[in-house]
Amino acid sequence: MHPYGVRDVERLLHLPRNTIRALIAAGFVTPARGPRNAWRFSFQDLIVLRTAQTLVAARVSNRRIAKSVKELRRHLPHSMPLSGLSIGAVADRVVVREGDSHWQAESGQYLLEFGGDPAQGSLSVIERKPEAPELHTAPDWFAEALALERDDPRGALVAYAKAIAADPARIEPRINMALLLHEASRLAEAERCYREAMGACGGHPLLLYNFGLLLEDLGRMPEAAQAYALAVQGDPALADGHYNLALVYQKLGKPREAIRHMSHYRRLVEP
């Protein structure tokens, strides 16, 4: 089964679309194609994507990652086991623990712990470093925030703030923090977070796209159109940006612009 679309992957894994495309292009995952040729991902694809992205961030070689995720995919269950999964990379192999059973000896340099349930809207991974229990770096705080999002969103916001303080130029915790505030209906705080992110990191397409969503919810359609327009200017392949921009232009009484961006959206998603 391939029940997850690109939006689901973005929401569950907190991966920007350009990262998803890069991991697919590198051959770490091969999603199926659904209606209008849109990518469709299985539960196994989600695990492989997050594992590959984390190992890339840990500067593991592509050759080693490819061998690890190939072996990982052969053993993964088709859905989230109730016992949860811990996954690590050891040399050219992966180590998987499911509940009390171990598929390989647990002694990896990189230990990835998955939590959450995709059906409930969350799937996270934490890079555990047993020798350094205290969190000091931006990646540590970012991983902590991801782990807290589902059960302790307030704690996640604190961890994201610490990740930002540790590395103000890192955009991922800023995007996730603003999104959490938006989802909690703390719209003024979310707007401030987006604007601070743009001041510190510039006009990242995913940041601008999410900012457009917030501005729509605030009823500020001209500003939402501007945010979406800047997002697709930065990433012309951002299909959802063109789609949302078309709808906003339609609401603003600009049919010519709406048609142009809807046509661009269809060219991106249709075979």
Protein backbone atom coordinates (compact mmCIF):
# COMPACT_ATOMS: atom_id res chain seq x y z
CA MET A 1 0.00 0.00 0.00
CA HIS A 2 1.13 3.58 -0.72
CA PRO A 3 -1.24 5.75 1.35
CA TYR A 4 0.99 8.82 1.83
CA GLY A 5 1.34 11.79 -0.53
CA VAL A 6 4.09 14.40 -0.59
CA ARG A 7 2.16 16.66 1.79
CA ASP A 8 1.87 13.78 4.25
CA VAL A 9 5.63 13.21 4.08
CA GLU A 10 6.29 16.92 4.65
CA ARG A 11 3.96 16.95 7.67
CA LEU A 12 5.00 13.64 9.23
CA LEU A 13 8.75 13.84 8.69
CA HIS A 14 9.21 17.62 8.66
CA LEU A 15 11.23 17.31 5.46
CA PRO A 16 11.12 20.15 2.93
CA ARG A 17 10.06 19.12 -0.55
CA ASN A 18 13.48 19.80 -2.07
CA THR A 19 15.04 17.34 0.43
CA ILE A 20 12.45 14.71 -0.48
CA ARG A 21 13.24 15.20 -4.17
CA ALA A 22 16.98 14.98 -3.50
CA LEU A 23 16.63 11.69 -1.59
CA ILE A 24 14.49 10.26 -4.38
CA ALA A 25 16.99 11.45 -7.00
CA ALA A 26 19.80 9.77 -5.02
CA GLY A 27 17.92 6.47 -5.33
CA PHE A 28 17.30 5.94 -1.60
CA VAL A 29 13.56 5.51 -2.21
CA THR A 30 11.41 4.91 -5.29
CA PRO A 31 7.82 6.03 -4.60
CA ALA A 32 4.88 4.78 -6.60
CA ARG A 33 2.84 7.05 -8.86
CA GLY A 34 -0.78 7.85 -8.10
CA PRO A 35 -3.45 9.97 -9.81
CA ARG A 36 -2.01 12.76 -11.98
CA ASN A 37 1.40 11.08 -11.66
CA ALA A 38 1.76 12.31 -8.07
CA TRP A 39 4.23 10.50 -5.81
CA ARG A 40 2.74 8.01 -3.34
CA PHE A 41 4.78 6.65 -0.43
CA SER A 42 4.42 3.54 1.72
CA PHE A 43 5.16 3.31 5.45
CA GLN A 44 8.48 1.69 4.52
CA ASP A 45 9.27 4.64 2.25
CA LEU A 46 8.76 7.03 5.20
CA ILE A 47 11.20 5.09 7.37
CA VAL A 48 13.78 4.90 4.58
CA LEU A 49 13.45 8.61 3.78
CA ARG A 50 13.97 9.68 7.38
CA THR A 51 16.82 7.20 7.90
CA ALA A 52 18.59 8.32 4.72
CA GLN A 53 18.15 12.02 5.55
CA THR A 54 19.54 11.57 9.06
CA LEU A 55 22.55 9.58 7.84
CA VAL A 56 23.20 12.20 5.15
CA ALA A 57 23.20 14.84 7.89
CA ALA A 58 25.65 12.65 9.84
CA ARG A 59 27.93 12.71 6.75
CA VAL A 60 27.71 8.98 6.10
CA SER A 61 28.76 8.19 2.53
CA ASN A 62 26.05 7.68 -0.12
CA ARG A 63 27.42 4.20 -0.86
CA ARG A 64 27.06 3.17 2.75
CA ILE A 65 23.62 4.74 3.06
CA ALA A 66 22.42 2.95 -0.09
CA LYS A 67 23.59 -0.43 1.25
CA SER A 68 22.04 0.24 4.66
CA VAL A 69 18.63 1.34 3.43
CA LYS A 70 18.50 -1.55 0.94
CA GLU A 71 18.92 -4.02 3.79
CA LEU A 72 16.60 -2.02 6.01
CA ARG A 73 13.77 -2.13 3.47
CA ARG A 74 13.97 -5.93 3.24
CA HIS A 75 13.15 -6.31 6.93
CA LEU A 76 10.78 -3.45 7.67
CA PRO A 77 7.16 -4.18 8.62
CA HIS A 78 4.42 -2.77 6.40
CA SER A 79 3.03 -0.62 9.23
CA MET A 80 4.22 0.87 12.52
CA PRO A 81 4.67 -1.98 15.05
CA LEU A 82 3.12 -1.37 18.46
CA SER A 83 6.48 -2.04 20.07
CA GLY A 84 8.17 0.75 18.10
CA LEU A 85 11.44 0.66 16.18
CA SER A 86 15.03 1.64 16.90
CA ILE A 87 17.29 1.69 13.87
CA GLY A 88 21.04 2.18 13.76
CA ALA A 89 23.84 2.09 11.16
CA VAL A 90 26.86 -0.11 11.89
CA ALA A 91 29.54 -0.17 9.19
CA ASP A 92 27.62 -1.23 6.08
CA ARG A 93 24.66 -2.68 7.96
CA VAL A 94 21.66 -1.44 9.86
CA VAL A 95 20.68 -2.54 13.33
CA VAL A 96 16.96 -2.87 14.02
CA ARG A 97 15.34 -3.42 17.39
CA GLU A 98 11.62 -4.15 17.54
CA GLY A 99 10.42 -4.41 21.12
CA ASP A 100 12.61 -7.00 22.82
CA SER A 101 13.84 -8.62 19.62
CA HIS A 102 17.03 -7.56 17.83
CA TRP A 103 17.66 -8.11 14.15
CA GLN A 104 21.38 -7.28 14.56
CA ALA A 105 23.64 -6.57 17.54
CA GLU A 106 22.87 -3.14 18.98
CA SER A 107 26.17 -1.23 18.98
CA GLY A 108 25.87 1.37 16.25
CA GLN A 109 27.56 4.73 15.97
CA TYR A 110 24.30 6.24 14.80
CA LEU A 111 21.13 5.26 16.65
CA LEU A 112 17.83 6.41 15.14
CA GLU A 113 14.73 6.07 17.26
CA PHE A 114 11.31 6.35 15.62
CA GLY A 115 8.24 7.39 17.53
CA GLY A 116 4.62 8.18 16.78
CA ASP A 117 2.02 6.73 14.49
CA PRO A 118 1.46 7.96 10.91
CA ALA A 119 -2.26 7.37 11.32
CA GLN A 120 -2.25 9.92 14.14
CA GLY A 121 -0.25 12.46 12.15
CA SER A 122 3.26 12.09 13.50
CA LEU A 123 6.41 10.17 12.76
CA SER A 124 9.70 11.35 14.23
CA VAL A 125 13.27 10.17 14.45
CA ILE A 126 15.88 11.07 17.02
CA GLU A 127 19.63 10.69 16.65
CA ARG A 128 20.71 9.35 20.01
CA LYS A 129 24.25 9.98 21.26
CA PRO A 130 24.68 7.85 24.41
CA GLU A 131 28.05 9.37 25.28
CA ALA A 132 26.64 12.90 25.33
CA PRO A 133 23.37 12.92 27.31
CA GLU A 134 23.35 16.69 27.67
CA LEU A 135 22.08 18.62 24.67
CA HIS A 136 24.35 21.40 23.41
CA THR A 137 24.14 21.71 19.62
CA ALA A 138 21.41 22.90 17.30
CA PRO A 139 20.95 19.39 15.77
CA ASP A 140 20.56 17.93 19.29
CA TRP A 141 17.87 20.43 20.23
CA PHE A 142 16.18 20.01 16.83
CA ALA A 143 16.00 16.23 17.29
CA GLU A 144 14.66 16.72 20.82
CA ALA A 145 11.96 19.05 19.52
CA LEU A 146 10.88 16.55 16.86
CA ALA A 147 10.52 13.87 19.53
CA LEU A 148 8.39 16.16 21.72
CA GLU A 149 6.05 17.56 19.07
CA ARG A 150 3.27 15.00 19.43
CA ASP A 151 3.02 14.61 23.21
CA ASP A 152 4.56 17.86 24.47
CA PRO A 153 4.19 20.66 21.89
CA ARG A 154 5.11 23.30 24.47
CA GLY A 155 8.31 21.45 25.24
CA ALA A 156 8.94 21.17 21.51
CA LEU A 157 8.65 24.94 21.16
CA VAL A 158 11.22 25.41 23.94
CA ALA A 159 13.58 22.95 22.24
CA TYR A 160 13.15 24.67 18.87
CA ALA A 161 13.93 28.01 20.50
CA LYS A 162 17.14 26.54 21.94
CA ALA A 163 18.05 25.11 18.52
CA ILE A 164 17.59 28.56 17.00
CA ALA A 165 19.67 30.18 19.75
CA ALA A 166 22.44 27.63 19.15
CA ASP A 167 22.46 28.23 15.38
CA PRO A 168 20.44 31.28 14.26
CA ALA A 169 21.20 30.56 10.59
CA ARG A 170 19.61 27.08 10.71
CA ILE A 171 16.23 27.35 9.03
CA GLU A 172 14.58 23.98 9.89
CA PRO A 173 13.81 24.73 13.57
CA ARG A 174 12.45 28.16 12.58
CA ILE A 175 10.07 26.61 10.03
CA ASN A 176 8.89 23.92 12.44
CA MET A 177 8.47 26.35 15.33
CA ALA A 178 6.35 28.71 13.23
CA LEU A 179 4.27 25.78 11.98
CA LEU A 180 3.66 24.54 15.54
CA LEU A 181 2.54 28.00 16.60
CA HIS A 182 0.23 28.20 13.58
CA GLU A 183 -1.30 24.79 14.37
CA ALA A 184 -1.87 25.95 17.96
CA SER A 185 -3.76 29.00 16.62
CA ARG A 186 -1.11 31.31 18.07
CA LEU A 187 -1.19 33.24 14.83
CA ALA A 188 0.46 36.49 15.91
CA GLU A 189 3.39 34.57 17.40
CA ALA A 190 3.61 32.42 14.27
CA GLU A 191 3.77 35.53 12.08
CA ARG A 192 6.52 37.00 14.22
CA CYS A 193 8.43 33.70 14.00
CA TYR A 194 8.13 33.64 10.19
CA ARG A 195 9.30 37.23 9.87
CA GLU A 196 12.27 36.63 12.17
CA ALA A 197 13.15 33.55 10.10
CA MET A 198 13.06 35.55 6.88
CA GLY A 199 15.25 38.21 8.45
CA ALA A 200 17.80 35.62 9.60
CA CYS A 201 17.68 33.11 6.75
CA GLY A 202 16.23 34.90 3.74
CA GLY A 203 13.38 33.85 1.49
CA HIS A 204 13.45 30.04 1.67
CA PRO A 205 10.66 28.67 -0.59
CA LEU A 206 9.14 26.36 2.04
CA LEU A 207 9.26 29.13 4.63
CA LEU A 208 7.48 31.52 2.26
CA TYR A 209 4.92 28.85 1.31
CA ASN A 210 4.06 28.18 4.96
CA PHE A 211 3.92 31.92 5.61
CA GLY A 212 1.39 32.17 2.77
CA LEU A 213 -0.77 29.55 4.50
CA LEU A 214 -0.72 31.61 7.69
CA LEU A 215 -1.58 34.83 5.86
CA GLU A 216 -4.53 33.07 4.21
CA ASP A 217 -5.82 32.00 7.63
CA LEU A 218 -5.44 35.62 8.75
CA GLY A 219 -7.57 36.70 5.77
CA ARG A 220 -4.76 38.80 4.27
CA MET A 221 -5.06 37.59 0.70
CA PRO A 222 -2.85 40.17 -1.09
CA GLU A 223 0.01 39.41 1.31
CA ALA A 224 -0.61 35.67 0.94
CA ALA A 225 -0.38 36.05 -2.84
CA GLN A 226 2.92 37.87 -2.47
CA ALA A 227 4.34 35.15 -0.20
CA TYR A 228 3.26 32.35 -2.57
CA ALA A 229 4.63 34.27 -5.57
CA LEU A 230 8.03 34.60 -3.88
CA ALA A 231 7.94 30.90 -2.93
CA VAL A 232 7.38 29.71 -6.52
CA GLN A 233 9.90 32.24 -7.77
CA GLY A 234 12.48 30.60 -5.51
CA ASP A 235 11.32 27.08 -6.41
CA PRO A 236 9.38 26.99 -9.71
CA ALA A 237 8.73 23.25 -9.16
CA LEU A 238 6.77 23.91 -5.95
CA ALA A 239 3.47 22.60 -7.28
CA ASP A 240 1.41 23.35 -4.17
CA GLY A 241 2.66 26.93 -4.25
CA HIS A 242 1.32 27.43 -7.78
CA TYR A 243 -1.98 25.76 -6.80
CA ASN A 244 -2.53 27.93 -3.72
CA LEU A 245 -1.45 31.05 -5.60
CA ALA A 246 -4.01 30.30 -8.32
CA LEU A 247 -6.79 30.00 -5.72
CA VAL A 248 -5.76 33.23 -3.99
CA TYR A 249 -5.62 35.12 -7.30
CA GLN A 250 -9.11 33.80 -8.07
CA LYS A 251 -10.35 35.21 -4.74
CA LEU A 252 -8.65 38.51 -5.54
CA GLY A 253 -10.47 38.78 -8.87
CA LYS A 254 -7.38 38.15 -11.01
CA PRO A 255 -8.51 35.35 -13.34
CA ARG A 256 -5.64 35.67 -15.81
CA GLU A 257 -3.00 35.14 -13.11
CA ALA A 258 -5.11 32.36 -11.56
CA ILE A 259 -5.29 30.49 -14.88
CA ARG A 260 -1.56 30.89 -15.47
CA HIS A 261 -0.56 29.38 -12.13
CA MET A 262 -3.18 26.63 -12.27
CA SER A 263 -1.80 25.66 -15.69
CA HIS A 264 1.72 25.63 -14.24
CA TYR A 265 0.50 23.42 -11.39
CA ARG A 266 -1.07 20.92 -13.80
CA ARG A 267 2.09 20.75 -15.91
CA LEU A 268 4.03 19.83 -12.76
CA VAL A 269 1.69 17.13 -11.45
CA GLU A 270 0.30 15.54 -14.60
CA PRO A 271 2.23 12.99 -16.70
